[in-house]
PDB file of N, CA and C in Angstrom:
ATOM      1  N   MET A   1      -2.806 -22.846  14.103  1.00  0.00           N
ATOM      2  CA  MET A   1      -2.739 -21.452  13.733  1.00  0.00           C
ATOM      3  C   MET A   1      -1.574 -20.994  14.692  1.00  0.00           C
ATOM      4  N   PHE A   2      -0.683 -20.055  14.462  1.00  0.00           N
ATOM      5  CA  PHE A   2       0.963 -19.199  14.662  1.00  0.00           C
ATOM      6  C   PHE A   2       1.573 -20.741  15.927  1.00  0.00           C
ATOM      7  N   ASN A   3       1.581 -21.661  14.520  1.00  0.00           N
ATOM      8  CA  ASN A   3       2.316 -22.809  15.442  1.00  0.00           C
ATOM      9  C   ASN A   3       4.019 -23.364  15.390  1.00  0.00           C
ATOM     10  N   THR A   4       4.142 -22.407  14.280  1.00  0.00           N
ATOM     11  CA  THR A   4       5.641 -22.067  13.629  1.00  0.00           C
ATOM     12  C   THR A   4       6.033 -20.517  13.623  1.00  0.00           C
ATOM     13  N   LYS A   5       7.395 -20.410  12.802  1.00  0.00           N
ATOM     14  CA  LYS A   5       7.668 -18.894  13.331  1.00  0.00           C
ATOM     15  C   LYS A   5       6.998 -18.598  11.512  1.00  0.00           C
ATOM     16  N   ASN A   6       6.934 -19.270  10.724  1.00  0.00           N
ATOM     17  CA  ASN A   6       6.361 -18.861   9.559  1.00  0.00           C
ATOM     18  C   ASN A   6       5.095 -18.277   9.564  1.00  0.00           C
ATOM     19  N   ASP A   7       4.150 -18.502   9.948  1.00  0.00           N
ATOM     20  CA  ASP A   7       2.877 -18.604  10.472  1.00  0.00           C
ATOM     21  C   ASP A   7       2.915 -17.484  11.303  1.00  0.00           C
ATOM     22  N   LEU A   8       3.811 -17.061  12.276  1.00  0.00           N
ATOM     23  CA  LEU A   8       3.785 -15.475  13.056  1.00  0.00           C
ATOM     24  C   LEU A   8       4.367 -14.660  12.283  1.00  0.00           C
ATOM     25  N   TYR A   9       5.286 -14.874  11.358  1.00  0.00           N
ATOM     26  CA  TYR A   9       5.613 -14.219  10.467  1.00  0.00           C
ATOM     27  C   TYR A   9       4.583 -13.619   9.320  1.00  0.00           C
ATOM     28  N   ALA A  10       3.368 -14.640   8.141  1.00  0.00           N
ATOM     29  CA  ALA A  10       2.919 -13.889   7.768  1.00  0.00           C
ATOM     30  C   ALA A  10       1.841 -13.586   8.171  1.00  0.00           C
ATOM     31  N   PHE A  11       1.627 -13.759   9.901  1.00  0.00           N
ATOM     32  CA  PHE A  11       0.664 -12.956  10.884  1.00  0.00           C
ATOM     33  C   PHE A  11       1.085 -11.811  11.008  1.00  0.00           C
ATOM     34  N   THR A  12       2.629 -10.723  10.677  1.00  0.00           N
ATOM     35  CA  THR A  12       2.954 -10.020  11.442  1.00  0.00           C
ATOM     36  C   THR A  12       2.812  -9.393   9.887  1.00  0.00           C
ATOM     37  N   ILE A  13       3.360  -9.884   8.862  1.00  0.00           N
ATOM     38  CA  ILE A  13       3.744  -9.109   7.999  1.00  0.00           C
ATOM     39  C   ILE A  13       2.226  -8.314   7.002  1.00  0.00           C
ATOM     40  N   LYS A  14       1.456  -9.446   6.912  1.00  0.00           N
ATOM     41  CA  LYS A  14      -0.274  -8.821   7.213  1.00  0.00           C
ATOM     42  C   LYS A  14      -0.024  -7.895   7.772  1.00  0.00           C
ATOM     43  N   VAL A  15      -0.317  -7.779   9.297  1.00  0.00           N
ATOM     44  CA  VAL A  15      -0.649  -6.685   9.953  1.00  0.00           C
ATOM     45  C   VAL A  15       0.246  -5.579  10.001  1.00  0.00           C
ATOM     46  N   TYR A  16       1.375  -5.647   9.171  1.00  0.00           N
ATOM     47  CA  TYR A  16       2.624  -4.208   8.638  1.00  0.00           C
ATOM     48  C   TYR A  16       1.743  -3.955   7.653  1.00  0.00           C
ATOM     49  N   ASN A  17       1.234  -4.794   6.361  1.00  0.00           N
ATOM     50  CA  ASN A  17       0.901  -3.949   5.278  1.00  0.00           C
ATOM     51  C   ASN A  17      -0.579  -3.747   5.226  1.00  0.00           C
ATOM     52  N   ARG A  18      -1.516  -3.876   6.877  1.00  0.00           N
ATOM     53  CA  ARG A  18      -2.265  -2.972   6.871  1.00  0.00           C
ATOM     54  C   ARG A  18      -2.273  -1.362   6.948  1.00  0.00           C
ATOM     55  N   LEU A  19      -0.974  -1.521   8.593  1.00  0.00           N
ATOM     56  CA  LEU A  19      -1.120  -0.662   8.202  1.00  0.00           C
ATOM     57  C   LEU A  19      -0.060   0.568   7.731  1.00  0.00           C
ATOM     58  N   LYS A  20       0.327  -0.264   7.004  1.00  0.00           N
ATOM     59  CA  LYS A  20       1.546   0.629   5.429  1.00  0.00           C
ATOM     60  C   LYS A  20       0.700   1.359   4.585  1.00  0.00           C
ATOM     61  N   ARG A  21      -0.831   0.548   4.210  1.00  0.00           N
ATOM     62  CA  ARG A  21      -1.400   1.171   3.258  1.00  0.00           C
ATOM     63  C   ARG A  21      -1.970   1.968   3.749  1.00  0.00           C
ATOM     64  N   GLY A  22      -2.131   2.577   2.891  1.00  0.00           N
ATOM     65  CA  GLY A  22      -3.111   4.463   2.515  1.00  0.00           C
ATOM     66  C   GLY A  22      -4.668   4.208   3.441  1.00  0.00           C
ATOM     67  N   ARG A  23      -5.223   2.791   2.847  1.00  0.00           N
ATOM     68  CA  ARG A  23      -7.294   2.647   3.121  1.00  0.00           C
ATOM     69  C   ARG A  23      -7.186   1.748   4.500  1.00  0.00           C
ATOM     70  N   PHE A  24      -6.365   1.915   5.636  1.00  0.00           N
ATOM     71  CA  PHE A  24      -6.516   2.049   6.753  1.00  0.00           C
ATOM     72  C   PHE A  24      -6.558   2.688   7.774  1.00  0.00           C
ATOM     73  N   MET A  25      -7.441   2.652   8.176  1.00  0.00           N
ATOM     74  CA  MET A  25      -7.865   3.894   9.849  1.00  0.00           C
ATOM     75  C   MET A  25      -7.232   3.204  11.092  1.00  0.00           C
ATOM     76  N   VAL A  26      -6.177   3.817  11.822  1.00  0.00           N
ATOM     77  CA  VAL A  26      -5.927   3.498  13.415  1.00  0.00           C
ATOM     78  C   VAL A  26      -5.956   5.139  13.911  1.00  0.00           C
ATOM     79  N   ARG A  27      -6.930   4.831  15.285  1.00  0.00           N
ATOM     80  CA  ARG A  27      -6.539   6.041  16.005  1.00  0.00           C
ATOM     81  C   ARG A  27      -6.910   6.169  16.998  1.00  0.00           C
ATOM     82  N   PHE A  28      -5.937   6.232  18.486  1.00  0.00           N
ATOM     83  CA  PHE A  28      -6.390   6.081  19.402  1.00  0.00           C
ATOM     84  C   PHE A  28      -7.705   6.982  20.101  1.00  0.00           C
ATOM     85  N   ILE A  29      -8.644   6.681  20.712  1.00  0.00           N
ATOM     86  CA  ILE A  29      -9.953   7.262  21.866  1.00  0.00           C
ATOM     87  C   ILE A  29      -9.329   6.696  22.766  1.00  0.00           C
ATOM     88  N   ARG A  30     -10.152   7.841  23.470  1.00  0.00           N
ATOM     89  CA  ARG A  30     -10.300   7.457  25.086  1.00  0.00           C
ATOM     90  C   ARG A  30     -11.690   6.104  25.354  1.00  0.00           C
ATOM     91  N   SER A  31     -11.165   6.009  26.521  1.00  0.00           N
ATOM     92  CA  SER A  31     -12.493   5.216  26.694  1.00  0.00           C
ATOM     93  C   SER A  31     -11.556   4.411  28.168  1.00  0.00           C
ATOM     94  N   LYS A  32     -13.138   3.748  29.213  1.00  0.00           N
ATOM     95  CA  LYS A  32     -12.556   3.406  30.097  1.00  0.00           C
ATOM     96  C   LYS A  32     -13.349   1.725  30.090  1.00  0.00           C
ATOM     97  N   ASP A  33     -14.156   1.292  28.586  1.00  0.00           N
ATOM     98  CA  ASP A  33     -14.989   0.105  28.508  1.00  0.00           C
ATOM     99  C   ASP A  33     -14.098  -0.638  28.247  1.00  0.00           C
ATOM    100  N   VAL A  34     -13.268  -0.165  27.392  1.00  0.00           N
ATOM    101  CA  VAL A  34     -12.243  -1.270  25.870  1.00  0.00           C
ATOM    102  C   VAL A  34     -10.933  -0.618  26.074  1.00  0.00           C
ATOM    103  N   HIS A  35      -9.971  -1.778  25.576  1.00  0.00           N
ATOM    104  CA  HIS A  35      -8.917  -1.488  24.904  1.00  0.00           C
ATOM    105  C   HIS A  35      -8.728  -0.559  24.084  1.00  0.00           C
ATOM    106  N   GLY A  36      -9.432  -1.541  22.910  1.00  0.00           N
ATOM    107  CA  GLY A  36      -9.663  -1.204  21.541  1.00  0.00           C
ATOM    108  C   GLY A  36     -11.027  -1.514  21.040  1.00  0.00           C
ATOM    109  N   LEU A  37     -11.380  -1.317  19.554  1.00  0.00           N
ATOM    110  CA  LEU A  37     -12.309  -1.724  18.585  1.00  0.00           C
ATOM    111  C   LEU A  37     -11.409  -2.611  17.537  1.00  0.00           C
ATOM    112  N   CYS A  38     -12.548  -3.025  16.691  1.00  0.00           N
ATOM    113  CA  CYS A  38     -11.758  -3.161  15.351  1.00  0.00           C
ATOM    114  C   CYS A  38     -13.576  -2.920  14.665  1.00  0.00           C
ATOM    115  N   TYR A  39     -13.759  -2.426  13.246  1.00  0.00           N
ATOM    116  CA  TYR A  39     -14.439  -2.005  12.591  1.00  0.00           C
ATOM    117  C   TYR A  39     -14.905  -3.557  11.775  1.00  0.00           C
ATOM    118  N   LYS A  40     -14.522  -4.458  11.803  1.00  0.00           N
ATOM    119  CA  LYS A  40     -14.674  -5.270  10.574  1.00  0.00           C
ATOM    120  C   LYS A  40     -15.447  -4.836   9.460  1.00  0.00           C
ATOM    121  N   GLY A  41     -14.928  -5.218   8.312  1.00  0.00           N
ATOM    122  CA  GLY A  41     -14.763  -5.067   7.315  1.00  0.00           C
ATOM    123  C   GLY A  41     -14.552  -3.514   6.846  1.00  0.00           C
ATOM    124  N   LEU A  42     -13.827  -2.369   7.626  1.00  0.00           N
ATOM    125  CA  LEU A  42     -14.585  -0.686   7.279  1.00  0.00           C
ATOM    126  C   LEU A  42     -12.555  -0.583   7.524  1.00  0.00           C
ATOM    127  N   ASN A  43     -11.889  -1.535   7.527  1.00  0.00           N
ATOM    128  CA  ASN A  43     -10.363  -1.310   7.456  1.00  0.00           C
ATOM    129  C   ASN A  43     -10.456  -0.298   8.657  1.00  0.00           C
ATOM    130  N   TRP A  44     -10.584  -0.368  10.197  1.00  0.00           N
ATOM    131  CA  TRP A  44     -10.437   0.239  10.680  1.00  0.00           C
ATOM    132  C   TRP A  44     -10.448   0.234  12.127  1.00  0.00           C
ATOM    133  N   ILE A  45      -9.259   0.217  13.081  1.00  0.00           N
ATOM    134  CA  ILE A  45      -9.530   0.118  14.514  1.00  0.00           C
ATOM    135  C   ILE A  45      -8.749   1.552  15.222  1.00  0.00           C
ATOM    136  N   GLU A  46      -9.497   0.802  16.776  1.00  0.00           N
ATOM    137  CA  GLU A  46      -9.188   1.615  17.224  1.00  0.00           C
ATOM    138  C   GLU A  46      -8.879   2.107  18.404  1.00  0.00           C
ATOM    139  N   LEU A  47      -7.896   2.279  19.367  1.00  0.00           N
ATOM    140  CA  LEU A  47      -6.816   2.151  20.217  1.00  0.00           C
ATOM    141  C   LEU A  47      -7.008   2.932  21.243  1.00  0.00           C
ATOM    142  N   THR A  48      -6.961   2.313  22.683  1.00  0.00           N
ATOM    143  CA  THR A  48      -6.704   3.459  23.922  1.00  0.00           C
ATOM    144  C   THR A  48      -4.748   3.647  24.422  1.00  0.00           C
ATOM    145  N   ALA A  49      -4.980   4.358  24.741  1.00  0.00           N
ATOM    146  CA  ALA A  49      -3.056   5.072  24.964  1.00  0.00           C
ATOM    147  C   ALA A  49      -3.290   3.889  26.609  1.00  0.00           C
ATOM    148  N   ASP A  50      -4.260   4.126  27.318  1.00  0.00           N
ATOM    149  CA  ASP A  50      -4.152   3.815  28.615  1.00  0.00           C
ATOM    150  C   ASP A  50      -3.816   2.341  29.093  1.00  0.00           C
ATOM    151  N   GLY A  51      -3.449   1.234  28.008  1.00  0.00           N
ATOM    152  CA  GLY A  51      -3.794   0.146  28.169  1.00  0.00           C
ATOM    153  C   GLY A  51      -2.269  -0.530  27.894  1.00  0.00           C
ATOM    154  N   GLU A  52      -2.010  -2.266  26.558  1.00  0.00           N
ATOM    155  CA  GLU A  52      -0.595  -2.684  26.965  1.00  0.00           C
ATOM    156  C   GLU A  52      -1.237  -2.171  25.572  1.00  0.00           C
ATOM    157  N   ILE A  53      -0.202  -1.310  24.346  1.00  0.00           N
ATOM    158  CA  ILE A  53      -0.513  -1.249  22.937  1.00  0.00           C
ATOM    159  C   ILE A  53      -0.739  -1.831  21.749  1.00  0.00           C
ATOM    160  N   LEU A  54       1.073  -2.856  22.099  1.00  0.00           N
ATOM    161  CA  LEU A  54       1.604  -3.618  21.042  1.00  0.00           C
ATOM    162  C   LEU A  54      -0.128  -4.387  21.705  1.00  0.00           C
ATOM    163  N   THR A  55      -0.243  -5.288  22.702  1.00  0.00           N
ATOM    164  CA  THR A  55      -1.060  -6.537  22.471  1.00  0.00           C
ATOM    165  C   THR A  55      -2.717  -6.260  22.147  1.00  0.00           C
ATOM    166  N   THR A  56      -2.931  -4.978  22.528  1.00  0.00           N
ATOM    167  CA  THR A  56      -4.313  -4.883  21.814  1.00  0.00           C
ATOM    168  C   THR A  56      -4.436  -4.293  19.942  1.00  0.00           C
ATOM    169  N   LEU A  57      -3.143  -3.789  19.617  1.00  0.00           N
ATOM    170  CA  LEU A  57      -2.764  -4.359  18.281  1.00  0.00           C
ATOM    171  C   LEU A  57      -3.033  -5.488  17.803  1.00  0.00           C
ATOM    172  N   VAL A  58      -2.431  -5.880  18.212  1.00  0.00           N
ATOM    173  CA  VAL A  58      -2.125  -7.404  18.170  1.00  0.00           C
ATOM    174  C   VAL A  58      -3.757  -8.272  18.319  1.00  0.00           C
ATOM    175  N   HIS A  59      -4.511  -7.961  19.033  1.00  0.00           N
ATOM    176  CA  HIS A  59      -5.769  -8.368  19.242  1.00  0.00           C
ATOM    177  C   HIS A  59      -6.727  -7.498  17.930  1.00  0.00           C
ATOM    178  N   GLU A  60      -6.614  -6.278  17.795  1.00  0.00           N
ATOM    179  CA  GLU A  60      -7.827  -5.681  16.697  1.00  0.00           C
ATOM    180  C   GLU A  60      -7.139  -6.238  15.156  1.00  0.00           C
ATOM    181  N   MET A  61      -6.037  -6.481  15.480  1.00  0.00           N
ATOM    182  CA  MET A  61      -6.033  -6.768  14.231  1.00  0.00           C
ATOM    183  C   MET A  61      -5.789  -8.197  14.043  1.00  0.00           C
ATOM    184  N   LEU A  62      -6.402  -9.636  14.686  1.00  0.00           N
ATOM    185  CA  LEU A  62      -6.424 -10.057  14.779  1.00  0.00           C
ATOM    186  C   LEU A  62      -8.191 -10.498  14.569  1.00  0.00           C
ATOM    187  N   HIS A  63      -8.655  -9.614  15.404  1.00  0.00           N
ATOM    188  CA  HIS A  63     -10.373  -9.381  14.366  1.00  0.00           C
ATOM    189  C   HIS A  63     -10.410  -8.931  12.859  1.00  0.00           C
ATOM    190  N   ASP A  64      -9.898  -8.121  12.647  1.00  0.00           N
ATOM    191  CA  ASP A  64     -10.005  -7.783  11.309  1.00  0.00           C
ATOM    192  C   ASP A  64      -9.368  -8.396  10.482  1.00  0.00           C
ATOM    193  N   ILE A  65      -7.738  -9.617  10.517  1.00  0.00           N
ATOM    194  CA  ILE A  65      -7.866 -10.374   9.754  1.00  0.00           C
ATOM    195  C   ILE A  65      -8.620 -11.400  10.053  1.00  0.00           C
ATOM    196  N   TYR A  66      -9.438 -11.985  10.916  1.00  0.00           N
ATOM    197  CA  TYR A  66      -9.847 -13.123  10.456  1.00  0.00           C
ATOM    198  C   TYR A  66     -11.207 -12.846  11.138  1.00  0.00           C
ATOM    199  N   PRO A  67     -12.684 -12.141  10.678  1.00  0.00           N
ATOM    200  CA  PRO A  67     -13.414 -11.855  11.296  1.00  0.00           C
ATOM    201  C   PRO A  67     -14.802 -12.702  11.106  1.00  0.00           C
ATOM    202  N   LYS A  68     -14.598 -13.488  11.160  1.00  0.00           N
ATOM    203  CA  LYS A  68     -15.095 -15.359  11.687  1.00  0.00           C
ATOM    204  C   LYS A  68     -14.939 -15.478  12.964  1.00  0.00           C
ATOM    205  N   TRP A  69     -13.465 -15.537  13.754  1.00  0.00           N
ATOM    206  CA  TRP A  69     -12.901 -15.625  14.993  1.00  0.00           C
ATOM    207  C   TRP A  69     -14.640 -14.855  15.646  1.00  0.00           C
ATOM    208  N   GLU A  70     -14.393 -15.928  16.749  1.00  0.00           N
ATOM    209  CA  GLU A  70     -15.099 -15.393  18.155  1.00  0.00           C
ATOM    210  C   GLU A  70     -13.756 -15.031  19.124  1.00  0.00           C
ATOM    211  N   GLU A  71     -14.890 -14.100  20.244  1.00  0.00           N
ATOM    212  CA  GLU A  71     -13.597 -13.490  21.469  1.00  0.00           C
ATOM    213  C   GLU A  71     -12.629 -14.380  21.680  1.00  0.00           C
ATOM    214  N   GLU A  72     -13.907 -15.516  22.246  1.00  0.00           N
ATOM    215  CA  GLU A  72     -12.187 -16.513  22.767  1.00  0.00           C
ATOM    216  C   GLU A  72     -11.121 -16.396  22.101  1.00  0.00           C
ATOM    217  N   LYS A  73     -11.161 -17.112  20.729  1.00  0.00           N
ATOM    218  CA  LYS A  73     -10.545 -17.670  19.722  1.00  0.00           C
ATOM    219  C   LYS A  73      -9.548 -16.440  19.498  1.00  0.00           C
ATOM    220  N   VAL A  74      -9.811 -15.432  18.848  1.00  0.00           N
ATOM    221  CA  VAL A  74      -8.896 -14.460  19.195  1.00  0.00           C
ATOM    222  C   VAL A  74      -8.344 -13.732  20.297  1.00  0.00           C
ATOM    223  N   ALA A  75      -8.472 -13.876  21.338  1.00  0.00           N
ATOM    224  CA  ALA A  75      -7.800 -13.708  22.806  1.00  0.00           C
ATOM    225  C   ALA A  75      -6.641 -14.857  23.204  1.00  0.00           C
ATOM    226  N   SER A  76      -7.311 -16.027  22.968  1.00  0.00           N
ATOM    227  CA  SER A  76      -6.200 -17.272  22.574  1.00  0.00           C
ATOM    228  C   SER A  76      -4.889 -17.052  21.991  1.00  0.00           C
ATOM    229  N   MET A  77      -4.899 -16.834  20.700  1.00  0.00           N
ATOM    230  CA  MET A  77      -4.130 -16.271  19.768  1.00  0.00           C
ATOM    231  C   MET A  77      -3.121 -14.886  19.710  1.00  0.00           C
ATOM    232  N   GLU A  78      -4.017 -14.171  20.558  1.00  0.00           N
ATOM    233  CA  GLU A  78      -3.266 -12.984  20.874  1.00  0.00           C
ATOM    234  C   GLU A  78      -2.575 -13.103  21.933  1.00  0.00           C
ATOM    235  N   LYS A  79      -2.894 -14.074  22.835  1.00  0.00           N
ATOM    236  CA  LYS A  79      -1.689 -14.541  23.250  1.00  0.00           C
ATOM    237  C   LYS A  79      -0.025 -15.523  23.529  1.00  0.00           C
ATOM    238  N   LEU A  80      -1.472 -16.127  22.100  1.00  0.00           N
ATOM    239  CA  LEU A  80       0.261 -16.928  21.485  1.00  0.00           C
ATOM    240  C   LEU A  80       0.941 -15.935  20.293  1.00  0.00           C
ATOM    241  N   VAL A  81       0.561 -14.737  20.123  1.00  0.00           N
ATOM    242  CA  VAL A  81       1.210 -13.936  19.108  1.00  0.00           C
ATOM    243  C   VAL A  81       2.427 -13.608  19.586  1.00  0.00           C
ATOM    244  N   MET A  82       1.354 -13.153  21.002  1.00  0.00           N
ATOM    245  CA  MET A  82       2.846 -12.132  22.089  1.00  0.00           C
ATOM    246  C   MET A  82       3.525 -12.772  22.707  1.00  0.00           C
ATOM    247  N   ALA A  83       3.143 -14.363  22.866  1.00  0.00           N
ATOM    248  CA  ALA A  83       4.392 -14.871  23.189  1.00  0.00           C
ATOM    249  C   ALA A  83       5.898 -15.625  22.495  1.00  0.00           C
ATOM    250  N   GLN A  84       5.326 -15.294  21.092  1.00  0.00           N
ATOM    251  CA  GLN A  84       6.126 -15.229  19.860  1.00  0.00           C
ATOM    252  C   GLN A  84       7.254 -14.644  19.611  1.00  0.00           C
ATOM    253  N   LEU A  85       6.585 -13.005  18.944  1.00  0.00           N
ATOM    254  CA  LEU A  85       7.231 -12.338  18.927  1.00  0.00           C
ATOM    255  C   LEU A  85       8.599 -11.963  18.837  1.00  0.00           C
ATOM    256  N   SER A  86       9.201 -11.756  18.400  1.00  0.00           N
ATOM    257  CA  SER A  86      10.556 -11.247  18.449  1.00  0.00           C
ATOM    258  C   SER A  86      10.655  -9.587  18.791  1.00  0.00           C
ATOM    259  N   HIS A  87      12.077  -9.231  19.627  1.00  0.00           N
ATOM    260  CA  HIS A  87      12.282  -7.727  20.026  1.00  0.00           C
ATOM    261  C   HIS A  87      11.738  -7.096  18.739  1.00  0.00           C
ATOM    262  N   ARG A  88      12.414  -7.560  17.328  1.00  0.00           N
ATOM    263  CA  ARG A  88      12.223  -6.939  16.000  1.00  0.00           C
ATOM    264  C   ARG A  88      11.012  -6.597  15.755  1.00  0.00           C
ATOM    265  N   GLN A  89      10.534  -8.322  15.596  1.00  0.00           N
ATOM    266  CA  GLN A  89       8.965  -8.315  15.325  1.00  0.00           C
ATOM    267  C   GLN A  89       8.149  -6.437  15.849  1.00  0.00           C
ATOM    268  N   MET A  90       8.393  -6.920  17.332  1.00  0.00           N
ATOM    269  CA  MET A  90       7.693  -5.687  17.215  1.00  0.00           C
ATOM    270  C   MET A  90       8.151  -4.681  17.570  1.00  0.00           C
ATOM    271  N   ILE A  91       9.216  -3.798  17.633  1.00  0.00           N
ATOM    272  CA  ILE A  91       9.537  -2.825  16.842  1.00  0.00           C
ATOM    273  C   ILE A  91       9.254  -2.236  15.622  1.00  0.00           C
ATOM    274  N   ASN A  92       9.083  -3.432  14.570  1.00  0.00           N
ATOM    275  CA  ASN A  92       8.483  -2.999  13.797  1.00  0.00           C
ATOM    276  C   ASN A  92       7.047  -3.226  13.270  1.00  0.00           C
ATOM    277  N   LEU A  93       6.194  -3.808  14.120  1.00  0.00           N
ATOM    278  CA  LEU A  93       5.018  -3.666  14.769  1.00  0.00           C
ATOM    279  C   LEU A  93       4.574  -1.917  14.929  1.00  0.00           C
ATOM    280  N   MET A  94       5.308  -1.718  16.322  1.00  0.00           N
ATOM    281  CA  MET A  94       5.314   0.083  17.337  1.00  0.00           C
ATOM    282  C   MET A  94       5.784   0.824  15.988  1.00  0.00           C
ATOM    283  N   LYS A  95       6.238   1.019  15.174  1.00  0.00           N
ATOM    284  CA  LYS A  95       7.086   1.813  13.804  1.00  0.00           C
ATOM    285  C   LYS A  95       5.971   1.609  12.837  1.00  0.00           C
ATOM    286  N   ALA A  96       4.897   0.830  12.613  1.00  0.00           N
ATOM    287  CA  ALA A  96       4.526   0.660  11.647  1.00  0.00           C
ATOM    288  C   ALA A  96       2.857   1.445  12.246  1.00  0.00           C
ATOM    289  N   LEU A  97       2.492   1.109  13.558  1.00  0.00           N
ATOM    290  CA  LEU A  97       1.646   1.367  14.083  1.00  0.00           C
ATOM    291  C   LEU A  97       1.611   3.116  14.035  1.00  0.00           C
ATOM    292  N   SER A  98       3.000   3.988  14.746  1.00  0.00           N
ATOM    293  CA  SER A  98       3.438   5.300  14.769  1.00  0.00           C
ATOM    294  C   SER A  98       2.908   5.508  13.485  1.00  0.00           C
ATOM    295  N   ASP A  99       3.914   5.302  12.182  1.00  0.00           N
ATOM    296  CA  ASP A  99       3.582   5.953  11.117  1.00  0.00           C
ATOM    297  C   ASP A  99       2.303   6.002  10.025  1.00  0.00           C
ATOM    298  N   SER A 100       1.117   5.192  11.252  1.00  0.00           N
ATOM    299  CA  SER A 100      -0.058   4.860  10.622  1.00  0.00           C
ATOM    300  C   SER A 100      -0.741   5.625  11.326  1.00  0.00           C
ATOM    301  N   LEU A 101      -0.832   5.872  12.557  1.00  0.00           N
ATOM    302  CA  LEU A 101      -1.570   7.236  13.404  1.00  0.00           C
ATOM    303  C   LEU A 101      -1.119   8.918  12.757  1.00  0.00           C
ATOM    304  N   ASP A 102       0.369   8.830  12.382  1.00  0.00           N
ATOM    305  CA  ASP A 102       0.752   9.979  12.028  1.00  0.00           C
ATOM    306  C   ASP A 102       0.054  10.385  10.675  1.00  0.00           C
ATOM    307  N   LYS A 103      -0.402   9.656  10.046  1.00  0.00           N
ATOM    308  CA  LYS A 103      -0.695   9.662   8.647  1.00  0.00           C
ATOM    309  C   LYS A 103      -2.106  10.197   8.914  1.00  0.00           C
ATOM    310  N   ASN A 104      -2.889   9.097   9.625  1.00  0.00           N
ATOM    311  CA  ASN A 104      -4.442   9.375   9.886  1.00  0.00           C
ATOM    312  C   ASN A 104      -4.323  10.717  10.304  1.00  0.00           C
ATOM    313  N   TYR A 105      -3.932  10.811  11.693  1.00  0.00           N
ATOM    314  CA  TYR A 105      -3.847  12.397  12.262  1.00  0.00           C
ATOM    315  C   TYR A 105      -3.673  13.354  11.363  1.00  0.00           C
ATOM    316  N   LYS A 106      -2.737  13.380  10.217  1.00  0.00           N
ATOM    317  CA  LYS A 106      -2.553  14.480   9.314  1.00  0.00           C
ATOM    318  C   LYS A 106      -3.785  14.467   8.501  1.00  0.00           C
ATOM    319  N   LEU A 107      -4.273  13.021   8.013  1.00  0.00           N
ATOM    320  CA  LEU A 107      -5.648  12.870   7.165  1.00  0.00           C
ATOM    321  C   LEU A 107      -6.462  13.645   8.014  1.00  0.00           C
ATOM    322  N   LEU A 108      -6.508  13.109   8.781  1.00  0.00           N
ATOM    323  CA  LEU A 108      -7.766  14.194   9.956  1.00  0.00           C
ATOM    324  C   LEU A 108      -8.116  15.097  10.067  1.00  0.00           C
ATOM    325  N   ARG A 109      -7.061  15.871  10.070  1.00  0.00           N
ATOM    326  CA  ARG A 109      -6.378  16.949  10.225  1.00  0.00           C
ATOM    327  C   ARG A 109      -7.352  18.667   9.121  1.00  0.00           C
ATOM    328  N   LYS A 110      -6.382  17.108   7.597  1.00  0.00           N
ATOM    329  CA  LYS A 110      -7.600  18.184   7.188  1.00  0.00           C
ATOM    330  C   LYS A 110      -9.167  18.489   6.402  1.00  0.00           C
ATOM    331  N   LEU A 111      -9.856  17.655   7.372  1.00  0.00           N
ATOM    332  CA  LEU A 111     -11.187  17.334   6.751  1.00  0.00           C
ATOM    333  C   LEU A 111     -11.404  18.460   8.161  1.00  0.00           C
TER     334      LEU A 111
END
């Protein structure tokens, strides 16, 4: 997994598409215990702003995309992905995250 540029590209596209579609929720939380949470099967992740946001995003999206993976495998794949992401891929993921956070914030304010 993630042994080729095509594998990495396919993963980043999955993350990008999840963040851009209307049915995926991302929000920031305050927590001293965790950097992020993934609610598997609910299309919902939460991130803390005090950690490595991109790394945590990748980690939680791995949980979301591969829900059967154990924590050890997710952590290993997170390191592999982060070591291979290009500058452009990082920028695109951060932009998609920002857009998703903004969209979700506006939705939550309406409630």
